[in-house]
């Protein structure tokens, strides 16, 4: 099997990492097991192929996780369920951070005894945080 390298999934790179993992699935023809559950009535040969494809997809997913993340999902051996759980966990966290950063920027006010330069630096920091969530 040819090696495909993906960056480790983090809160900040969730969207890009997700795109790359899904592209790797497509390239290696693993996308069916990450989007569909195993069909009920398969011939023995097809069932064996499905099992191997599922196993390959699970391996790609788990190799993109940190050790701590991989241990959280260690028991899951169905690619679709594993991928759905991971996307749900990280996408929800990312959306929450976007909302928090946006609210922080909207409610930004200069603090008493804060210099204009410090205020601008703080505003730029929050704006950068908002931008990095995209």
Protein backbone atom coordinates (compact mmCIF):
# COMPACT_ATOMS: atom_id res chain seq x y z
CA UNK A 1 0.00 0.00 0.00
CA UNK A 2 1.41 3.40 -0.96
CA UNK A 3 1.99 5.74 1.93
CA UNK A 4 -0.13 8.85 2.22
CA UNK A 5 0.96 11.47 4.70
CA UNK A 6 -1.53 13.67 6.52
CA UNK A 7 -0.85 16.19 9.24
CA UNK A 8 -1.91 15.33 12.76
CA UNK A 9 -5.45 16.49 13.45
CA UNK A 10 -5.65 19.41 15.87
CA UNK A 11 -8.38 21.82 16.91
CA UNK A 12 -6.91 24.56 14.73
CA UNK A 13 -6.39 22.52 11.54
CA UNK A 14 -9.57 20.45 11.72
CA UNK A 15 -11.11 21.68 8.48
CA UNK A 16 -7.98 21.36 6.32
CA UNK A 17 -7.02 18.04 7.90
CA UNK A 18 -10.53 16.73 7.24
CA UNK A 19 -10.26 17.73 3.58
CA UNK A 20 -6.89 16.01 3.25
CA UNK A 21 -8.02 12.81 4.94
CA UNK A 22 -11.12 12.67 2.74
CA UNK A 23 -8.92 13.27 -0.33
CA UNK A 24 -6.67 10.40 0.79
CA UNK A 25 -9.76 8.21 1.18
CA UNK A 26 -10.84 9.06 -2.34
CA UNK A 27 -7.37 8.52 -3.80
CA UNK A 28 -7.06 5.10 -2.17
CA UNK A 29 -10.71 4.22 -2.92
CA UNK A 30 -11.52 4.10 0.79
CA UNK A 31 -14.25 6.75 0.72
CA UNK A 32 -17.14 4.27 0.57
CA UNK A 33 -16.35 2.84 4.01
CA UNK A 34 -16.05 6.31 5.53
CA UNK A 35 -19.47 7.38 4.25
CA UNK A 36 -21.51 4.17 4.34
CA UNK A 37 -22.04 1.30 6.73
CA UNK A 38 -21.28 -2.23 5.56
CA UNK A 39 -24.15 -3.52 3.41
CA UNK A 40 -26.02 -6.45 4.92
CA UNK A 41 -25.97 -8.93 2.07
CA UNK A 42 -22.50 -9.26 0.58
CA UNK A 43 -20.85 -12.27 -0.96
CA UNK A 44 -17.99 -13.75 1.03
CA UNK A 45 -15.45 -12.17 -1.34
CA UNK A 46 -17.10 -8.72 -1.19
CA UNK A 47 -17.40 -8.94 2.59
CA UNK A 48 -13.70 -9.73 2.84
CA UNK A 49 -12.83 -6.79 0.56
CA UNK A 50 -15.10 -4.49 2.58
CA UNK A 51 -13.43 -5.60 5.81
CA UNK A 52 -9.95 -4.87 4.40
CA UNK A 53 -11.01 -1.50 2.98
CA UNK A 54 -12.61 -0.57 6.30
CA UNK A 55 -9.47 -1.63 8.16
CA UNK A 56 -7.30 0.50 5.85
CA UNK A 57 -9.54 3.55 6.34
CA UNK A 58 -9.52 3.13 10.13
CA UNK A 59 -5.71 2.93 10.01
CA UNK A 60 -5.46 6.15 7.95
CA UNK A 61 -7.75 7.95 10.38
CA UNK A 62 -6.00 6.75 13.53
CA UNK A 63 -2.56 7.55 12.12
CA UNK A 64 -3.67 11.17 11.72
CA UNK A 65 -4.51 11.47 15.43
CA UNK A 66 -2.27 12.31 18.35
CA UNK A 67 -1.58 9.49 20.80
CA UNK A 68 -4.15 10.89 23.23
CA UNK A 69 -6.79 11.26 20.52
CA UNK A 70 -6.09 7.78 19.16
CA UNK A 71 -6.61 6.31 22.62
CA UNK A 72 -9.99 8.08 22.89
CA UNK A 73 -11.15 6.30 19.74
CA UNK A 74 -9.13 3.08 20.11
CA UNK A 75 -12.16 0.80 20.46
CA UNK A 76 -13.90 2.01 17.29
CA UNK A 77 -13.22 -0.25 14.31
CA UNK A 78 -15.85 0.97 11.84
CA UNK A 79 -14.47 3.72 9.61
CA UNK A 80 -17.77 5.58 9.11
CA UNK A 81 -18.60 5.69 12.82
CA UNK A 82 -15.03 6.64 13.75
CA UNK A 83 -14.87 9.41 11.15
CA UNK A 84 -18.31 10.77 12.11
CA UNK A 85 -17.33 10.86 15.81
CA UNK A 86 -14.08 12.66 15.11
CA UNK A 87 -15.62 15.22 12.76
CA UNK A 88 -18.43 15.87 15.20
CA UNK A 89 -16.05 16.39 18.11
CA UNK A 90 -13.65 18.70 16.31
CA UNK A 91 -16.12 20.63 14.17
CA UNK A 92 -18.27 21.50 17.20
CA UNK A 93 -15.21 22.70 19.14
CA UNK A 94 -14.07 24.79 16.18
CA UNK A 95 -17.49 26.42 15.77
CA UNK A 96 -17.61 27.23 19.50
CA UNK A 97 -14.18 28.89 19.33
CA UNK A 98 -15.24 30.92 16.27
CA UNK A 99 -18.28 32.21 18.12
CA UNK A 100 -16.24 33.04 21.24
CA UNK A 101 -13.54 34.87 19.26
CA UNK A 102 -16.15 36.80 17.27
CA UNK A 103 -17.95 37.87 20.44
CA UNK A 104 -14.66 38.89 22.04
CA UNK A 105 -13.83 41.06 19.03
CA UNK A 106 -17.32 42.63 18.94
CA UNK A 107 -17.16 43.49 22.64
CA UNK A 108 -13.59 44.79 22.56
CA UNK A 109 -13.12 47.93 24.62
CA UNK A 110 -10.04 49.73 25.78
CA UNK A 111 -9.27 49.02 29.42
CA UNK A 112 -8.55 51.74 31.94
CA UNK A 113 -4.82 52.51 32.05
CA UNK A 114 -4.28 50.58 28.78
CA UNK A 115 -2.16 52.37 26.19
CA UNK A 116 -3.42 52.72 22.64
CA UNK A 117 -0.58 50.49 21.42
CA UNK A 118 -1.50 47.75 23.90
CA UNK A 119 -5.16 48.01 22.91
CA UNK A 120 -4.30 47.75 19.21
CA UNK A 121 -2.02 44.78 19.88
CA UNK A 122 -4.79 43.05 21.83
CA UNK A 123 -7.32 43.77 19.06
CA UNK A 124 -4.93 42.38 16.44
CA UNK A 125 -4.42 39.27 18.56
CA UNK A 126 -8.16 38.67 18.74
CA UNK A 127 -8.55 39.35 15.01
CA UNK A 128 -5.78 36.84 14.29
CA UNK A 129 -7.53 34.30 16.51
CA UNK A 130 -10.77 34.86 14.55
CA UNK A 131 -8.97 34.53 11.23
CA UNK A 132 -7.16 31.34 12.23
CA UNK A 133 -10.50 29.62 12.93
CA UNK A 134 -11.46 29.66 9.24
